PDB file of N, CA and C in Angstrom:
ATOM      1  N   MET A   1       0.854  -1.181  -0.012  1.00  0.00           N
ATOM      2  CA  MET A   1      -0.001   0.000  -0.017  1.00  0.00           C
ATOM      3  C   MET A   1       0.927   1.252   0.003  1.00  0.00           C
ATOM      4  N   GLY A   2       0.605   2.151  -0.898  1.00  0.00           N
ATOM      5  CA  GLY A   2       1.413   3.358  -1.050  1.00  0.00           C
ATOM      6  C   GLY A   2       1.023   4.455  -0.076  1.00  0.00           C
ATOM      7  N   ILE A   3       1.767   5.492  -0.085  1.00  0.00           N
ATOM      8  CA  ILE A   3       1.505   6.666   0.787  1.00  0.00           C
ATOM      9  C   ILE A   3       0.238   7.389   0.393  1.00  0.00           C
ATOM     10  N   SER A   4      -0.241   7.136  -0.853  1.00  0.00           N
ATOM     11  CA  SER A   4      -1.422   7.870  -1.374  1.00  0.00           C
ATOM     12  C   SER A   4      -2.716   7.122  -1.107  1.00  0.00           C
ATOM     13  N   SER A   5      -2.682   6.138  -0.258  1.00  0.00           N
ATOM     14  CA  SER A   5      -3.887   5.425   0.048  1.00  0.00           C
ATOM     15  C   SER A   5      -3.850   4.851   1.507  1.00  0.00           C
ATOM     16  N   GLY A   6      -5.038   4.409   1.945  1.00  0.00           N
ATOM     17  CA  GLY A   6      -5.104   3.760   3.239  1.00  0.00           C
ATOM     18  C   GLY A   6      -4.876   4.694   4.428  1.00  0.00           C
ATOM     19  N   LYS A   7      -4.213   4.156   5.421  1.00  0.00           N
ATOM     20  CA  LYS A   7      -4.081   4.857   6.729  1.00  0.00           C
ATOM     21  C   LYS A   7      -3.248   6.160   6.590  1.00  0.00           C
ATOM     22  N   TYR A   8      -2.364   6.206   5.592  1.00  0.00           N
ATOM     23  CA  TYR A   8      -1.511   7.401   5.466  1.00  0.00           C
ATOM     24  C   TYR A   8      -2.336   8.628   5.077  1.00  0.00           C
ATOM     25  N   VAL A   9      -3.342   8.398   4.254  1.00  0.00           N
ATOM     26  CA  VAL A   9      -4.214   9.517   3.837  1.00  0.00           C
ATOM     27  C   VAL A   9      -4.947  10.061   5.030  1.00  0.00           C
ATOM     28  N   GLU A  10      -5.492   9.137   5.823  1.00  0.00           N
ATOM     29  CA  GLU A  10      -6.239   9.519   7.011  1.00  0.00           C
ATOM     30  C   GLU A  10      -5.291  10.222   8.012  1.00  0.00           C
ATOM     31  N   GLU A  11      -4.096   9.719   8.183  1.00  0.00           N
ATOM     32  CA  GLU A  11      -3.134  10.397   9.090  1.00  0.00           C
ATOM     33  C   GLU A  11      -2.834  11.789   8.602  1.00  0.00           C
ATOM     34  N   PHE A  12      -2.633  11.915   7.295  1.00  0.00           N
ATOM     35  CA  PHE A  12      -2.352  13.240   6.697  1.00  0.00           C
ATOM     36  C   PHE A  12      -3.507  14.190   6.942  1.00  0.00           C
ATOM     37  N   GLU A  13      -4.733  13.723   6.656  1.00  0.00           N
ATOM     38  CA  GLU A  13      -5.902  14.591   6.831  1.00  0.00           C
ATOM     39  C   GLU A  13      -6.022  14.969   8.329  1.00  0.00           C
ATOM     40  N   ASN A  14      -5.810  14.103   9.248  1.00  0.00           N
ATOM     41  CA  ASN A  14      -5.885  14.433  10.660  1.00  0.00           C
ATOM     42  C   ASN A  14      -4.829  15.429  11.044  1.00  0.00           C
ATOM     43  N   TYR A  15      -3.640  15.293  10.487  1.00  0.00           N
ATOM     44  CA  TYR A  15      -2.550  16.235  10.766  1.00  0.00           C
ATOM     45  C   TYR A  15      -2.936  17.658  10.285  1.00  0.00           C
ATOM     46  N   ILE A  16      -3.499  17.690   9.060  1.00  0.00           N
ATOM     47  CA  ILE A  16      -3.888  19.023   8.467  1.00  0.00           C
ATOM     48  C   ILE A  16      -5.006  19.629   9.325  1.00  0.00           C
ATOM     49  N   CYS A  17      -5.921  18.815   9.812  1.00  0.00           N
ATOM     50  CA  CYS A  17      -7.007  19.342  10.680  1.00  0.00           C
ATOM     51  C   CYS A  17      -6.395  19.978  11.941  1.00  0.00           C
ATOM     52  N   LYS A  18      -5.452  19.282  12.541  1.00  0.00           N
ATOM     53  CA  LYS A  18      -4.858  19.835  13.742  1.00  0.00           C
ATOM     54  C   LYS A  18      -4.021  21.080  13.415  1.00  0.00           C
ATOM     55  N   PHE A  19      -3.279  21.074  12.352  1.00  0.00           N
ATOM     56  CA  PHE A  19      -2.421  22.154  11.989  1.00  0.00           C
ATOM     57  C   PHE A  19      -3.210  23.419  11.644  1.00  0.00           C
ATOM     58  N   THR A  20      -4.329  23.248  10.933  1.00  0.00           N
ATOM     59  CA  THR A  20      -5.102  24.427  10.504  1.00  0.00           C
ATOM     60  C   THR A  20      -6.281  24.715  11.412  1.00  0.00           C
ATOM     61  N   VAL A  21      -6.471  23.850  12.436  1.00  0.00           N
ATOM     62  CA  VAL A  21      -7.628  23.970  13.347  1.00  0.00           C
ATOM     63  C   VAL A  21      -8.922  23.898  12.584  1.00  0.00           C
ATOM     64  N   ALA A  22      -8.931  23.079  11.540  1.00  0.00           N
ATOM     65  CA  ALA A  22     -10.121  22.880  10.737  1.00  0.00           C
ATOM     66  C   ALA A  22     -10.924  21.678  11.276  1.00  0.00           C
ATOM     67  N   LYS A  23     -12.239  21.717  11.081  1.00  0.00           N
ATOM     68  CA  LYS A  23     -13.044  20.606  11.508  1.00  0.00           C
ATOM     69  C   LYS A  23     -12.912  19.400  10.607  1.00  0.00           C
ATOM     70  N   TYR A  24     -12.783  19.670   9.310  1.00  0.00           N
ATOM     71  CA  TYR A  24     -12.660  18.597   8.304  1.00  0.00           C
ATOM     72  C   TYR A  24     -11.635  18.918   7.304  1.00  0.00           C
ATOM     73  N   THR A  25     -11.044  17.871   6.708  1.00  0.00           N
ATOM     74  CA  THR A  25     -10.124  18.005   5.568  1.00  0.00           C
ATOM     75  C   THR A  25     -10.452  16.902   4.554  1.00  0.00           C
ATOM     76  N   ILE A  26     -10.064  17.186   3.296  1.00  0.00           N
ATOM     77  CA  ILE A  26     -10.171  16.166   2.246  1.00  0.00           C
ATOM     78  C   ILE A  26      -8.868  16.171   1.488  1.00  0.00           C
ATOM     79  N   ALA A  27      -8.201  15.028   1.485  1.00  0.00           N
ATOM     80  CA  ALA A  27      -7.046  14.896   0.687  1.00  0.00           C
ATOM     81  C   ALA A  27      -7.441  14.502  -0.732  1.00  0.00           C
ATOM     82  N   CYS A  28      -6.885  15.221  -1.722  1.00  0.00           N
ATOM     83  CA  CYS A  28      -7.271  14.991  -3.119  1.00  0.00           C
ATOM     84  C   CYS A  28      -6.064  14.437  -3.875  1.00  0.00           C
ATOM     85  N   ILE A  29      -6.325  13.707  -4.930  1.00  0.00           N
ATOM     86  CA  ILE A  29      -5.301  13.055  -5.683  1.00  0.00           C
ATOM     87  C   ILE A  29      -4.486  14.067  -6.541  1.00  0.00           C
ATOM     88  N   ASN A  30      -5.072  15.195  -6.866  1.00  0.00           N
ATOM     89  CA  ASN A  30      -4.400  16.208  -7.657  1.00  0.00           C
ATOM     90  C   ASN A  30      -5.107  17.555  -7.530  1.00  0.00           C
ATOM     91  N   GLY A  31      -4.500  18.596  -8.158  1.00  0.00           N
ATOM     92  CA  GLY A  31      -5.120  19.920  -8.126  1.00  0.00           C
ATOM     93  C   GLY A  31      -6.454  20.033  -8.745  1.00  0.00           C
ATOM     94  N   THR A  32      -6.669  19.294  -9.850  1.00  0.00           N
ATOM     95  CA  THR A  32      -7.948  19.349 -10.538  1.00  0.00           C
ATOM     96  C   THR A  32      -9.078  18.839  -9.623  1.00  0.00           C
ATOM     97  N   SER A  33      -8.823  17.744  -8.948  1.00  0.00           N
ATOM     98  CA  SER A  33      -9.876  17.197  -8.055  1.00  0.00           C
ATOM     99  C   SER A  33     -10.065  18.094  -6.860  1.00  0.00           C
ATOM    100  N   ALA A  34      -9.020  18.796  -6.367  1.00  0.00           N
ATOM    101  CA  ALA A  34      -9.122  19.728  -5.286  1.00  0.00           C
ATOM    102  C   ALA A  34      -9.987  20.936  -5.703  1.00  0.00           C
ATOM    103  N   LEU A  35      -9.763  21.456  -6.903  1.00  0.00           N
ATOM    104  CA  LEU A  35     -10.538  22.542  -7.416  1.00  0.00           C
ATOM    105  C   LEU A  35     -12.018  22.113  -7.617  1.00  0.00           C
ATOM    106  N   HIS A  36     -12.207  20.906  -8.042  1.00  0.00           N
ATOM    107  CA  HIS A  36     -13.582  20.410  -8.262  1.00  0.00           C
ATOM    108  C   HIS A  36     -14.336  20.384  -6.909  1.00  0.00           C
ATOM    109  N   VAL A  37     -13.660  19.848  -5.893  1.00  0.00           N
ATOM    110  CA  VAL A  37     -14.297  19.802  -4.583  1.00  0.00           C
ATOM    111  C   VAL A  37     -14.579  21.245  -4.085  1.00  0.00           C
ATOM    112  N   ALA A  38     -13.620  22.127  -4.288  1.00  0.00           N
ATOM    113  CA  ALA A  38     -13.774  23.496  -3.810  1.00  0.00           C
ATOM    114  C   ALA A  38     -14.971  24.221  -4.444  1.00  0.00           C
ATOM    115  N   ILE A  39     -15.104  24.078  -5.798  1.00  0.00           N
ATOM    116  CA  ILE A  39     -16.219  24.864  -6.401  1.00  0.00           C
ATOM    117  C   ILE A  39     -17.552  24.175  -6.088  1.00  0.00           C
ATOM    118  N   ARG A  40     -17.573  22.880  -5.860  1.00  0.00           N
ATOM    119  CA  ARG A  40     -18.803  22.268  -5.396  1.00  0.00           C
ATOM    120  C   ARG A  40     -19.188  22.783  -3.996  1.00  0.00           C
ATOM    121  N   LEU A  41     -18.184  22.894  -3.140  1.00  0.00           N
ATOM    122  CA  LEU A  41     -18.445  23.358  -1.762  1.00  0.00           C
ATOM    123  C   LEU A  41     -18.961  24.794  -1.717  1.00  0.00           C
ATOM    124  N   VAL A  42     -18.511  25.610  -2.640  1.00  0.00           N
ATOM    125  CA  VAL A  42     -18.951  27.020  -2.629  1.00  0.00           C
ATOM    126  C   VAL A  42     -20.312  27.203  -3.379  1.00  0.00           C
ATOM    127  N   GLY A  43     -20.812  26.113  -3.907  1.00  0.00           N
ATOM    128  CA  GLY A  43     -22.141  26.165  -4.468  1.00  0.00           C
ATOM    129  C   GLY A  43     -22.303  26.432  -5.949  1.00  0.00           C
ATOM    130  N   VAL A  44     -21.250  26.253  -6.717  1.00  0.00           N
ATOM    131  CA  VAL A  44     -21.408  26.475  -8.154  1.00  0.00           C
ATOM    132  C   VAL A  44     -22.383  25.476  -8.717  1.00  0.00           C
ATOM    133  N   MET A  45     -23.326  25.992  -9.465  1.00  0.00           N
ATOM    134  CA  MET A  45     -24.431  25.147 -10.012  1.00  0.00           C
ATOM    135  C   MET A  45     -24.316  25.122 -11.551  1.00  0.00           C
ATOM    136  N   PRO A  46     -24.974  24.113 -12.181  1.00  0.00           N
ATOM    137  CA  PRO A  46     -25.023  24.145 -13.647  1.00  0.00           C
ATOM    138  C   PRO A  46     -25.593  25.455 -14.170  1.00  0.00           C
ATOM    139  N   GLU A  47     -25.029  25.922 -15.256  1.00  0.00           N
ATOM    140  CA  GLU A  47     -25.351  27.161 -15.872  1.00  0.00           C
ATOM    141  C   GLU A  47     -24.896  28.365 -15.088  1.00  0.00           C
ATOM    142  N   GLY A  48     -24.146  28.156 -13.967  1.00  0.00           N
ATOM    143  CA  GLY A  48     -23.614  29.298 -13.231  1.00  0.00           C
ATOM    144  C   GLY A  48     -22.395  29.871 -13.903  1.00  0.00           C
ATOM    145  N   GLU A  49     -21.823  30.878 -13.303  1.00  0.00           N
ATOM    146  CA  GLU A  49     -20.592  31.447 -13.852  1.00  0.00           C
ATOM    147  C   GLU A  49     -19.515  31.457 -12.801  1.00  0.00           C
ATOM    148  N   VAL A  50     -18.279  31.267 -13.246  1.00  0.00           N
ATOM    149  CA  VAL A  50     -17.150  31.267 -12.332  1.00  0.00           C
ATOM    150  C   VAL A  50     -16.070  32.160 -12.971  1.00  0.00           C
ATOM    151  N   ILE A  51     -15.648  33.138 -12.240  1.00  0.00           N
ATOM    152  CA  ILE A  51     -14.602  34.053 -12.695  1.00  0.00           C
ATOM    153  C   ILE A  51     -13.273  33.395 -12.603  1.00  0.00           C
ATOM    154  N   VAL A  52     -12.523  33.349 -13.706  1.00  0.00           N
ATOM    155  CA  VAL A  52     -11.228  32.710 -13.721  1.00  0.00           C
ATOM    156  C   VAL A  52     -10.179  33.697 -14.407  1.00  0.00           C
ATOM    157  N   PRO A  53      -8.914  33.538 -14.043  1.00  0.00           N
ATOM    158  CA  PRO A  53      -7.894  34.320 -14.722  1.00  0.00           C
ATOM    159  C   PRO A  53      -7.631  33.765 -16.121  1.00  0.00           C
ATOM    160  N   THR A  54      -7.185  34.676 -16.999  1.00  0.00           N
ATOM    161  CA  THR A  54      -6.883  34.249 -18.353  1.00  0.00           C
ATOM    162  C   THR A  54      -5.633  33.355 -18.347  1.00  0.00           C
ATOM    163  N   MET A  55      -4.614  33.758 -17.658  1.00  0.00           N
ATOM    164  CA  MET A  55      -3.397  32.946 -17.516  1.00  0.00           C
ATOM    165  C   MET A  55      -3.575  31.927 -16.396  1.00  0.00           C
ATOM    166  N   THR A  56      -3.898  30.704 -16.784  1.00  0.00           N
ATOM    167  CA  THR A  56      -4.172  29.644 -15.828  1.00  0.00           C
ATOM    168  C   THR A  56      -3.917  28.330 -16.442  1.00  0.00           C
ATOM    169  N   PHE A  57      -3.973  27.287 -15.661  1.00  0.00           N
ATOM    170  CA  PHE A  57      -3.871  25.929 -16.160  1.00  0.00           C
ATOM    171  C   PHE A  57      -5.304  25.497 -16.674  1.00  0.00           C
ATOM    172  N   ILE A  58      -5.345  24.533 -17.531  1.00  0.00           N
ATOM    173  CA  ILE A  58      -6.589  24.078 -18.098  1.00  0.00           C
ATOM    174  C   ILE A  58      -7.522  23.488 -17.039  1.00  0.00           C
ATOM    175  N   ALA A  59      -6.901  22.988 -15.968  1.00  0.00           N
ATOM    176  CA  ALA A  59      -7.711  22.447 -14.875  1.00  0.00           C
ATOM    177  C   ALA A  59      -8.712  23.419 -14.298  1.00  0.00           C
ATOM    178  N   THR A  60      -8.320  24.704 -14.276  1.00  0.00           N
ATOM    179  CA  THR A  60      -9.185  25.723 -13.702  1.00  0.00           C
ATOM    180  C   THR A  60     -10.446  25.802 -14.494  1.00  0.00           C
ATOM    181  N   VAL A  61     -10.373  25.698 -15.814  1.00  0.00           N
ATOM    182  CA  VAL A  61     -11.522  25.800 -16.675  1.00  0.00           C
ATOM    183  C   VAL A  61     -12.269  24.433 -16.728  1.00  0.00           C
ATOM    184  N   ASN A  62     -11.525  23.352 -16.703  1.00  0.00           N
ATOM    185  CA  ASN A  62     -12.129  22.041 -16.779  1.00  0.00           C
ATOM    186  C   ASN A  62     -13.077  21.799 -15.635  1.00  0.00           C
ATOM    187  N   VAL A  63     -12.706  22.161 -14.405  1.00  0.00           N
ATOM    188  CA  VAL A  63     -13.579  21.898 -13.264  1.00  0.00           C
ATOM    189  C   VAL A  63     -14.876  22.705 -13.329  1.00  0.00           C
ATOM    190  N   VAL A  64     -14.826  23.877 -13.961  1.00  0.00           N
ATOM    191  CA  VAL A  64     -16.035  24.630 -14.199  1.00  0.00           C
ATOM    192  C   VAL A  64     -16.953  23.903 -15.121  1.00  0.00           C
ATOM    193  N   ARG A  65     -16.367  23.380 -16.188  1.00  0.00           N
ATOM    194  CA  ARG A  65     -17.151  22.648 -17.203  1.00  0.00           C
ATOM    195  C   ARG A  65     -17.694  21.363 -16.673  1.00  0.00           C
ATOM    196  N   TYR A  66     -16.952  20.716 -15.701  1.00  0.00           N
ATOM    197  CA  TYR A  66     -17.472  19.486 -15.063  1.00  0.00           C
ATOM    198  C   TYR A  66     -18.853  19.699 -14.477  1.00  0.00           C
ATOM    199  N   LEU A  67     -19.081  20.963 -13.998  1.00  0.00           N
ATOM    200  CA  LEU A  67     -20.367  21.257 -13.369  1.00  0.00           C
ATOM    201  C   LEU A  67     -21.279  21.933 -14.317  1.00  0.00           C
ATOM    202  N   ASN A  68     -21.011  21.903 -15.602  1.00  0.00           N
ATOM    203  CA  ASN A  68     -21.836  22.563 -16.657  1.00  0.00           C
ATOM    204  C   ASN A  68     -22.049  24.014 -16.340  1.00  0.00           C
ATOM    205  N   ALA A  69     -20.967  24.663 -15.850  1.00  0.00           N
ATOM    206  CA  ALA A  69     -21.023  26.136 -15.604  1.00  0.00           C
ATOM    207  C   ALA A  69     -20.146  26.763 -16.652  1.00  0.00           C
ATOM    208  N   GLU A  70     -20.077  28.108 -16.671  1.00  0.00           N
ATOM    209  CA  GLU A  70     -19.325  28.831 -17.660  1.00  0.00           C
ATOM    210  C   GLU A  70     -18.189  29.595 -16.970  1.00  0.00           C
ATOM    211  N   SER A  71     -17.005  29.525 -17.583  1.00  0.00           N
ATOM    212  CA  SER A  71     -15.838  30.273 -17.155  1.00  0.00           C
ATOM    213  C   SER A  71     -15.917  31.714 -17.677  1.00  0.00           C
ATOM    214  N   ILE A  72     -15.704  32.713 -16.846  1.00  0.00           N
ATOM    215  CA  ILE A  72     -15.691  34.082 -17.271  1.00  0.00           C
ATOM    216  C   ILE A  72     -14.230  34.553 -17.072  1.00  0.00           C
ATOM    217  N   PHE A  73     -13.566  34.809 -18.188  1.00  0.00           N
ATOM    218  CA  PHE A  73     -12.158  35.287 -18.100  1.00  0.00           C
ATOM    219  C   PHE A  73     -12.184  36.715 -17.762  1.00  0.00           C
ATOM    220  N   ILE A  74     -11.612  37.052 -16.582  1.00  0.00           N
ATOM    221  CA  ILE A  74     -11.739  38.399 -16.000  1.00  0.00           C
ATOM    222  C   ILE A  74     -10.720  39.380 -16.572  1.00  0.00           C
ATOM    223  N   ASP A  75      -9.549  38.944 -16.954  1.00  0.00           N
ATOM    224  CA  ASP A  75      -8.490  39.831 -17.315  1.00  0.00           C
ATOM    225  C   ASP A  75      -8.091  39.737 -18.789  1.00  0.00           C
ATOM    226  N   CYS A  76      -9.070  39.611 -19.662  1.00  0.00           N
ATOM    227  CA  CYS A  76      -8.695  39.447 -21.093  1.00  0.00           C
ATOM    228  C   CYS A  76      -9.508  40.464 -21.929  1.00  0.00           C
ATOM    229  N   ASP A  77      -9.007  40.603 -23.154  1.00  0.00           N
ATOM    230  CA  ASP A  77      -9.701  41.469 -24.107  1.00  0.00           C
ATOM    231  C   ASP A  77     -10.744  40.632 -24.883  1.00  0.00           C
ATOM    232  N   ASP A  78     -11.287  41.213 -25.914  1.00  0.00           N
ATOM    233  CA  ASP A  78     -12.301  40.520 -26.710  1.00  0.00           C
ATOM    234  C   ASP A  78     -11.766  39.286 -27.473  1.00  0.00           C
ATOM    235  N   TYR A  79     -10.449  39.165 -27.560  1.00  0.00           N
ATOM    236  CA  TYR A  79      -9.783  38.063 -28.257  1.00  0.00           C
ATOM    237  C   TYR A  79      -9.176  37.050 -27.300  1.00  0.00           C
ATOM    238  N   TYR A  80      -9.506  37.162 -25.974  1.00  0.00           N
ATOM    239  CA  TYR A  80      -8.957  36.280 -24.939  1.00  0.00           C
ATOM    240  C   TYR A  80      -7.469  36.432 -24.736  1.00  0.00           C
ATOM    241  N   ASN A  81      -6.919  37.574 -25.046  1.00  0.00           N
ATOM    242  CA  ASN A  81      -5.515  37.882 -24.754  1.00  0.00           C
ATOM    243  C   ASN A  81      -5.550  38.701 -23.474  1.00  0.00           C
ATOM    244  N   ILE A  82      -4.468  38.578 -22.730  1.00  0.00           N
ATOM    245  CA  ILE A  82      -4.375  39.369 -21.459  1.00  0.00           C
ATOM    246  C   ILE A  82      -4.516  40.857 -21.756  1.00  0.00           C
ATOM    247  N   ASP A  83      -5.408  41.491 -21.012  1.00  0.00           N
ATOM    248  CA  ASP A  83      -5.605  42.927 -21.082  1.00  0.00           C
ATOM    249  C   ASP A  83      -4.865  43.525 -19.880  1.00  0.00           C
ATOM    250  N   VAL A  84      -3.766  44.184 -20.135  1.00  0.00           N
ATOM    251  CA  VAL A  84      -2.906  44.716 -19.050  1.00  0.00           C
ATOM    252  C   VAL A  84      -3.693  45.660 -18.153  1.00  0.00           C
ATOM    253  N   GLU A  85      -4.574  46.428 -18.748  1.00  0.00           N
ATOM    254  CA  GLU A  85      -5.311  47.407 -17.980  1.00  0.00           C
ATOM    255  C   GLU A  85      -6.232  46.685 -16.942  1.00  0.00           C
ATOM    256  N   LYS A  86      -6.750  45.538 -17.281  1.00  0.00           N
ATOM    257  CA  LYS A  86      -7.637  44.812 -16.355  1.00  0.00           C
ATOM    258  C   LYS A  86      -6.892  44.085 -15.272  1.00  0.00           C
ATOM    259  N   THR A  87      -5.637  43.955 -15.390  1.00  0.00           N
ATOM    260  CA  THR A  87      -4.805  43.252 -14.365  1.00  0.00           C
ATOM    261  C   THR A  87      -4.332  44.180 -13.262  1.00  0.00           C
ATOM    262  N   LEU A  88      -4.528  45.488 -13.482  1.00  0.00           N
ATOM    263  CA  LEU A  88      -4.023  46.452 -12.458  1.00  0.00           C
ATOM    264  C   LEU A  88      -4.961  46.587 -11.273  1.00  0.00           C
TER     265      LEU A  88
END
């Protein structure tokens, strides 16, 4: 059994609870799954909108699509290029 399964995951989650004084923690396999859990927890619904940066990893947009919501690129121009004025 590897470090990414079984009792080690539970030990890690318990450690993070104690360290952050959080009531619950969830260990995720990768950043995409962590983002997916996060936007579910904040209540993103199908056909909702999520503001995302233009310069990002595809995972940021993918998790929004998983929930059938729409990504709104906040710092881009009409051609989806970075708009320097919007980043200030």
